Amino acid sequence: MAIMKVKFDQRKRVKLAQGLWLMNWFSVMAGVLVFSMGLFFKVELRKRSEMMDDSESHFVPNSLIVVGILVSATNVLGGKICYDSLDPAKFSKWKAFLKLSLAVCFFFNMVLFVTAMMCFTMRLALESTLAQGLKNGMKYYKDTDTPGRCYMKKSLDMLQIEFRCCGNNNYKDWFEIQWISNRYLDFSSKEVKDRILSNVDGKYLMDGVPFSCCNPSSPRPCIQHQLTNNSAHYSYDHHTEELNIWTRGCRDALLSYYGGLMNSIGSMVLLVWLLEMVVMVGLRYLHTSLESLSNPEDPESESEGWLLEKSVKETLSSFMESIKALGKTNQVDAEGGAGEGAQAVATVS
């Protein structure tokens, strides 16, 4: 028994075909938008790739770019099919491809839905790669004379200024690394010697942060050195006073930025998926209504369209049986090939 059966006359079929043609072209524009958003997100990741530990984060934008191209291409073809369905002579050449086209649409819509879900879950992958990438970036901050790392200081300073953040988790991360190059340290100074000797690794550590951590909105001149030394600054208590540097970590700031971007893109891809589902259902009704014409010679005759020819249970059962039959066919072919091979060996012997 057919599910969701609808009766059609010529007027309804024409309206359905025209509506599907229009929706297909809306989907083409939606595909271009998905492609553009994937390209934009890829560029945004590239801009800060040195702050990331690996390139796995580019899998989602690459998927969006591919999906956007496929959405546009499949809906151009769908629009052509719907347009030609108004002319029985033109539509006859598409009949053999309609079932395959619907199967491809169903598979493609599953891929589109998975891509949307990946957009929402990408934050988890970004969190770990940003944590390690920022940690490495801070470690190389001082290496302005080292080829391949000389850009890191500028990149980190611009990042902290743009996103109003400081350090990886917070500003105290700068206390744990040497971010001033030995080139700019006076090793004849007692203070410098004492700091280096007091550290097991022989590094120059201090309770200070780079200038890019300073908050320009603060009324007080920026205190970026000796942040934990109250006596070094007049009327200052780092336990109670609001610091005039950014206290938010850059990992959290970047996660919020990329997370908001991916949530927006994921929502848009879900809307495109819903549009594609509607188009697929409409194409199924158009296909079945044209296949079931009571008089194929008369295009004005009535017909019936349906979503599934059988019940859901029967459809699933027939689908599983077809898969099992395909598996048995492959097994028989393999056994036949093996038998022929054994026979050939016996003949040679």
Protein backbone atom coordinates (compact mmCIF):
# COMPACT_ATOMS: atom_id res chain seq x y z
CA MET A 1 0.00 0.00 0.00
CA ALA A 2 1.39 3.38 -1.09
CA ILE A 3 2.14 5.93 1.63
CA MET A 4 0.99 9.58 1.45
CA LYS A 5 -0.87 9.09 -1.82
CA VAL A 6 -2.03 12.28 -3.61
CA LYS A 7 -4.23 12.60 -6.70
CA PHE A 8 -2.96 14.83 -9.53
CA ASP A 9 -4.49 16.33 -12.63
CA GLN A 10 -2.56 18.19 -15.32
CA ARG A 11 -2.95 21.56 -13.56
CA LYS A 12 -1.51 20.20 -10.28
CA ARG A 13 1.38 18.50 -12.08
CA VAL A 14 2.27 21.70 -13.91
CA LYS A 15 2.16 23.71 -10.67
CA LEU A 16 4.32 21.10 -8.90
CA ALA A 17 6.88 21.12 -11.73
CA GLN A 18 7.01 24.94 -11.80
CA GLY A 19 7.34 25.17 -8.03
CA LEU A 20 10.13 22.56 -8.00
CA TRP A 21 11.93 24.39 -10.82
CA LEU A 22 11.88 27.60 -8.77
CA MET A 23 12.99 25.82 -5.60
CA ASN A 24 15.86 24.16 -7.44
CA TRP A 25 17.19 27.54 -8.47
CA PHE A 26 16.86 28.80 -4.90
CA SER A 27 18.90 25.75 -3.90
CA VAL A 28 21.54 26.61 -6.50
CA MET A 29 21.96 30.04 -4.87
CA ALA A 30 22.02 28.36 -1.44
CA GLY A 31 24.80 26.07 -2.70
CA VAL A 32 26.81 29.11 -3.83
CA LEU A 33 26.31 30.59 -0.35
CA VAL A 34 27.50 27.37 1.36
CA PHE A 35 30.55 27.33 -0.93
CA SER A 36 31.30 30.98 -0.09
CA MET A 37 30.97 30.39 3.66
CA GLY A 38 33.28 27.36 3.46
CA LEU A 39 35.83 29.42 1.54
CA PHE A 40 35.55 32.31 4.03
CA PHE A 41 36.02 29.96 7.00
CA LYS A 42 39.02 28.31 5.35
CA VAL A 43 40.63 31.74 4.85
CA GLU A 44 39.95 32.62 8.50
CA LEU A 45 41.66 29.43 9.64
CA ARG A 46 44.58 30.05 7.29
CA LYS A 47 45.08 33.52 8.77
CA ARG A 48 45.82 31.95 12.17
CA SER A 49 47.18 28.57 11.06
CA GLU A 50 50.43 29.18 12.96
CA MET A 51 48.36 29.20 16.18
CA MET A 52 47.00 25.72 15.46
CA ASP A 53 48.73 22.43 16.07
CA ASP A 54 47.57 20.59 12.94
CA SER A 55 45.57 20.95 9.73
CA GLU A 56 42.65 18.64 10.69
CA SER A 57 40.53 21.72 11.38
CA HIS A 58 40.42 22.35 7.60
CA PHE A 59 38.32 19.21 7.05
CA VAL A 60 35.05 21.03 7.81
CA PRO A 61 35.62 24.05 5.51
CA ASN A 62 36.82 21.69 2.76
CA SER A 63 33.61 19.66 3.21
CA LEU A 64 31.53 22.85 2.99
CA ILE A 65 33.27 23.84 -0.26
CA VAL A 66 32.65 20.41 -1.82
CA VAL A 67 29.04 20.26 -0.56
CA GLY A 68 28.35 23.76 -1.90
CA ILE A 69 29.56 22.75 -5.37
CA LEU A 70 27.48 19.53 -5.28
CA VAL A 71 24.35 21.39 -4.12
CA SER A 72 24.61 23.81 -7.04
CA ALA A 73 25.38 21.10 -9.61
CA THR A 74 22.62 18.67 -8.54
CA ASN A 75 19.98 21.38 -8.39
CA VAL A 76 20.87 22.71 -11.85
CA LEU A 77 20.19 19.17 -13.10
CA GLY A 78 17.01 18.93 -10.97
CA GLY A 79 15.77 22.24 -12.38
CA LYS A 80 16.32 20.97 -15.93
CA ILE A 81 14.38 17.75 -15.17
CA CYS A 82 11.46 19.71 -13.67
CA TYR A 83 11.40 22.10 -16.64
CA ASP A 84 11.41 19.26 -19.18
CA SER A 85 8.65 17.40 -17.28
CA LEU A 86 6.15 19.89 -18.72
CA ASP A 87 6.88 18.50 -22.19
CA PRO A 88 6.22 14.71 -22.48
CA ALA A 89 8.60 14.40 -25.45
CA LYS A 90 11.50 15.98 -23.55
CA PHE A 91 10.69 14.25 -20.29
CA SER A 92 10.83 10.76 -21.81
CA LYS A 93 14.64 10.90 -22.00
CA TRP A 94 14.86 11.58 -18.22
CA LYS A 95 12.63 8.68 -17.11
CA ALA A 96 15.46 6.16 -16.99
CA PHE A 97 17.53 8.45 -14.73
CA LEU A 98 14.86 9.60 -12.27
CA LYS A 99 15.17 6.69 -9.82
CA LEU A 100 18.95 7.00 -9.83
CA SER A 101 18.63 10.74 -9.40
CA LEU A 102 16.36 10.31 -6.37
CA ALA A 103 18.78 7.78 -4.81
CA VAL A 104 21.67 10.21 -5.32
CA CYS A 105 19.58 13.04 -3.79
CA PHE A 106 18.82 10.90 -0.74
CA PHE A 107 22.49 10.00 -0.23
CA PHE A 108 23.55 13.59 -0.83
CA ASN A 109 21.03 14.89 1.74
CA MET A 110 22.51 12.52 4.32
CA VAL A 111 25.98 13.96 3.57
CA LEU A 112 24.57 17.48 3.88
CA PHE A 113 23.05 16.69 7.28
CA VAL A 114 26.32 15.14 8.53
CA THR A 115 28.21 18.25 7.36
CA ALA A 116 25.83 20.47 9.32
CA MET A 117 26.37 18.36 12.45
CA MET A 118 30.15 18.58 11.99
CA CYS A 119 29.85 22.37 12.01
CA PHE A 120 28.22 22.24 15.46
CA THR A 121 30.75 19.76 16.89
CA MET A 122 33.92 21.31 15.45
CA ARG A 123 34.49 23.32 18.65
CA LEU A 124 35.73 20.16 20.42
CA ALA A 125 38.40 19.55 17.77
CA LEU A 126 39.43 23.20 17.73
CA GLU A 127 39.85 23.38 21.51
CA SER A 128 42.73 20.90 21.64
CA THR A 129 44.49 22.14 18.51
CA LEU A 130 44.31 25.76 19.69
CA ALA A 131 45.58 24.89 23.16
CA GLN A 132 48.74 23.25 21.80
CA GLY A 133 49.17 25.73 18.95
CA LEU A 134 49.01 28.78 21.21
CA LYS A 135 51.36 27.14 23.68
CA ASN A 136 53.95 26.59 20.93
CA GLY A 137 53.39 30.10 19.57
CA MET A 138 54.10 31.67 22.96
CA LYS A 139 57.24 29.54 23.29
CA TYR A 140 58.53 30.92 19.97
CA TYR A 141 57.52 34.52 20.70
CA LYS A 142 61.12 35.55 21.50
CA ASP A 143 62.65 33.91 18.40
CA THR A 144 62.54 37.02 16.21
CA ASP A 145 65.95 36.18 14.71
CA THR A 146 65.13 32.54 13.91
CA PRO A 147 64.09 31.81 10.29
CA GLY A 148 60.58 30.37 10.17
CA ARG A 149 59.63 31.82 13.57
CA CYS A 150 60.45 35.50 13.15
CA TYR A 151 56.78 36.27 12.35
CA MET A 152 55.42 34.69 15.56
CA LYS A 153 55.86 37.78 17.76
CA LYS A 154 53.89 39.97 15.36
CA SER A 155 51.19 37.31 14.89
CA LEU A 156 50.68 36.85 18.64
CA ASP A 157 50.70 40.60 19.34
CA MET A 158 48.12 41.24 16.59
CA LEU A 159 46.02 38.32 17.88
CA GLN A 160 45.99 39.65 21.47
CA ILE A 161 45.15 43.17 20.30
CA GLU A 162 42.39 42.07 17.91
CA PHE A 163 40.71 39.58 20.24
CA ARG A 164 41.44 41.48 23.47
CA CYS A 165 43.05 38.48 25.11
CA CYS A 166 46.30 37.58 26.83
CA GLY A 167 48.10 34.24 26.98
CA ASN A 168 46.69 30.81 26.32
CA ASN A 169 44.37 30.28 29.29
CA ASN A 170 45.07 33.69 30.92
CA TYR A 171 47.81 36.30 31.36
CA LYS A 172 49.69 34.15 33.92
CA ASP A 173 50.80 31.82 31.10
CA TRP A 174 53.41 34.44 30.18
CA PHE A 175 54.97 34.05 33.66
CA GLU A 176 55.93 30.44 32.84
CA ILE A 177 57.96 31.05 29.65
CA GLN A 178 60.84 33.26 28.62
CA TRP A 179 59.29 35.63 26.10
CA ILE A 180 62.19 38.13 25.97
CA SER A 181 65.09 37.15 23.69
CA ASN A 182 68.57 36.81 25.19
CA ARG A 183 69.61 39.42 22.66
CA TYR A 184 67.84 42.09 24.71
CA LEU A 185 69.03 40.95 28.15
CA ASP A 186 71.97 42.52 29.97
CA PHE A 187 73.82 39.50 31.41
CA SER A 188 76.11 41.78 33.41
CA SER A 189 73.09 42.89 35.45
CA LYS A 190 72.69 41.22 38.86
CA GLU A 191 68.90 41.06 38.48
CA VAL A 192 69.15 39.19 35.19
CA LYS A 193 71.75 36.77 36.60
CA ASP A 194 69.67 36.11 39.70
CA ARG A 195 66.53 35.35 37.65
CA ILE A 196 68.39 32.97 35.35
CA LEU A 197 70.19 31.18 38.21
CA SER A 198 66.98 30.83 40.21
CA ASN A 199 65.37 28.89 37.37
CA VAL A 200 66.15 25.18 36.90
CA ASP A 201 66.12 25.46 33.07
CA GLY A 202 68.24 28.62 33.10
CA LYS A 203 65.46 30.78 31.62
CA TYR A 204 64.68 34.42 32.28
CA LEU A 205 61.21 34.27 33.80
CA MET A 206 59.31 37.22 35.24
CA ASP A 207 55.83 38.29 36.25
CA GLY A 208 55.30 40.39 33.15
CA VAL A 209 53.40 40.28 29.85
CA PRO A 210 53.92 41.72 26.33
CA PHE A 211 52.57 45.20 25.55
CA SER A 212 49.77 43.71 23.42
CA CYS A 213 48.07 42.49 26.62
CA CYS A 214 47.42 46.07 27.73
CA ASN A 215 43.85 47.31 27.84
CA PRO A 216 43.75 50.80 26.24
CA SER A 217 40.42 51.55 27.95
CA SER A 218 42.04 51.49 31.39
CA PRO A 219 42.49 55.00 32.92
CA ARG A 220 45.76 53.96 34.51
CA PRO A 221 49.02 53.66 32.49
CA CYS A 222 49.57 50.03 31.60
CA ILE A 223 51.31 47.91 34.21
CA GLN A 224 52.83 45.04 32.27
CA HIS A 225 55.89 44.28 34.40
CA GLN A 226 56.07 43.14 38.03
CA LEU A 227 52.36 42.46 38.02
CA THR A 228 52.47 40.58 41.32
CA ASN A 229 54.77 43.07 43.10
CA ASN A 230 52.54 45.56 44.92
CA SER A 231 55.47 47.64 46.19
CA ALA A 232 56.75 48.26 42.65
CA HIS A 233 53.74 50.46 41.82
CA TYR A 234 52.06 53.28 43.68
CA SER A 235 48.60 52.56 45.12
CA TYR A 236 48.48 49.08 43.62
CA ASP A 237 47.23 45.71 44.86
CA HIS A 238 47.04 42.96 42.27
CA HIS A 239 44.72 40.89 44.51
CA THR A 240 41.96 43.47 44.72
CA GLU A 241 42.56 45.98 41.93
CA GLU A 242 41.19 45.37 38.47
CA LEU A 243 44.22 44.79 36.24
CA ASN A 244 44.66 47.04 33.24
CA ILE A 245 45.56 44.11 30.97
CA TRP A 246 43.29 41.66 29.22
CA THR A 247 42.46 38.81 31.62
CA ARG A 248 40.71 36.60 29.09
CA GLY A 249 42.76 33.81 27.50
CA CYS A 250 43.22 33.77 23.72
CA ARG A 251 42.08 30.15 23.44
CA ASP A 252 38.70 31.05 24.90
CA ALA A 253 38.45 34.16 22.70
CA LEU A 254 39.26 32.22 19.51
CA LEU A 255 36.91 29.39 20.46
CA SER A 256 34.07 31.88 20.96
CA TYR A 257 34.81 33.51 17.60
CA TYR A 258 35.11 30.29 15.61
CA GLY A 259 32.30 28.65 17.58
CA GLY A 260 29.89 31.47 16.76
CA LEU A 261 30.96 31.35 13.13
CA MET A 262 30.46 27.60 12.88
CA ASN A 263 27.08 27.74 14.63
CA SER A 264 25.91 30.29 12.06
CA ILE A 265 27.24 28.22 9.16
CA GLY A 266 25.77 25.01 10.64
CA SER A 267 22.33 26.64 10.97
CA MET A 268 22.50 27.82 7.38
CA VAL A 269 23.50 24.35 6.13
CA LEU A 270 20.57 22.84 8.09
CA LEU A 271 18.19 25.25 6.32
CA VAL A 272 19.68 24.20 2.98
CA TRP A 273 19.21 20.55 4.02
CA LEU A 274 15.52 21.18 4.79
CA LEU A 275 15.11 22.88 1.40
CA GLU A 276 16.79 19.93 -0.30
CA MET A 277 14.51 17.47 1.53
CA VAL A 278 11.44 19.37 0.31
CA VAL A 279 12.82 19.35 -3.25
CA MET A 280 13.52 15.60 -3.04
CA VAL A 281 9.99 14.86 -1.79
CA GLY A 282 8.49 17.06 -4.52
CA LEU A 283 10.61 15.35 -7.17
CA ARG A 284 9.41 11.97 -5.90
CA TYR A 285 5.76 13.06 -6.25
CA LEU A 286 6.43 14.43 -9.73
CA HIS A 287 8.10 11.18 -10.76
CA THR A 288 5.36 8.88 -9.47
CA SER A 289 2.52 11.09 -10.76
CA LEU A 290 3.97 11.01 -14.27
CA GLU A 291 4.68 7.25 -14.08
CA SER A 292 1.10 6.44 -13.00
CA LEU A 293 -0.79 8.36 -15.71
CA SER A 294 -4.02 6.51 -16.43
CA ASN A 295 -3.54 7.24 -20.14
CA PRO A 296 0.09 7.96 -21.06
CA GLU A 297 -1.03 9.10 -24.51
CA ASP A 298 -3.16 11.85 -22.94
CA PRO A 299 -1.09 14.26 -20.75
CA GLU A 300 -4.32 15.72 -19.35
CA SER A 301 -5.39 12.45 -17.72
CA GLU A 302 -5.40 12.05 -13.95
CA SER A 303 -2.72 10.21 -11.98
CA GLU A 304 -1.62 9.38 -8.46
CA GLY A 305 1.62 10.31 -6.74
CA TRP A 306 3.07 8.82 -3.56
CA LEU A 307 6.09 9.07 -1.35
CA LEU A 308 6.65 5.32 -0.84
CA GLU A 309 5.18 2.62 -3.03
CA LYS A 310 5.00 0.21 -0.06
CA SER A 311 4.88 0.59 3.71
CA VAL A 312 8.02 1.63 5.56
CA LYS A 313 8.50 -1.92 6.90
CA GLU A 314 8.07 -3.48 3.45
CA THR A 315 10.39 -0.89 1.87
CA LEU A 316 13.12 -1.60 4.43
CA SER A 317 12.67 -5.37 4.00
CA SER A 318 12.95 -5.18 0.21
CA PHE A 319 16.00 -2.91 0.56
CA MET A 320 17.71 -5.41 2.91
CA GLU A 321 16.82 -8.30 0.59
CA SER A 322 18.36 -6.49 -2.38
CA ILE A 323 21.56 -5.94 -0.38
CA LYS A 324 21.65 -9.64 0.64
CA ALA A 325 21.04 -10.71 -2.96
CA LEU A 326 23.90 -8.46 -4.07
CA GLY A 327 26.17 -10.04 -1.43
CA LYS A 328 25.21 -13.56 -2.52
CA THR A 329 25.90 -12.67 -6.15
CA ASN A 330 29.38 -11.46 -5.27
CA GLN A 331 30.01 -14.59 -3.19
CA VAL A 332 28.91 -16.88 -6.05
CA ASP A 333 31.14 -14.98 -8.47
CA ALA A 334 34.10 -15.32 -6.10
CA GLU A 335 33.49 -19.07 -5.61
CA GLY A 336 33.08 -19.52 -9.35
CA GLY A 337 36.35 -17.72 -9.98
CA ALA A 338 38.11 -19.84 -7.34
CA GLY A 339 36.68 -23.05 -8.87
CA GLU A 340 37.82 -22.09 -12.34
CA GLY A 341 41.28 -21.29 -10.96
CA ALA A 342 41.51 -24.73 -9.25
CA GLN A 343 40.36 -26.44 -12.43
CA ALA A 344 42.98 -24.62 -14.44
CA VAL A 345 45.71 -25.67 -11.96
CA ALA A 346 44.54 -29.29 -12.15
CA THR A 347 44.62 -29.14 -15.97
CA VAL A 348 48.17 -27.78 -15.93
CA SER A 349 49.22 -30.54 -13.47
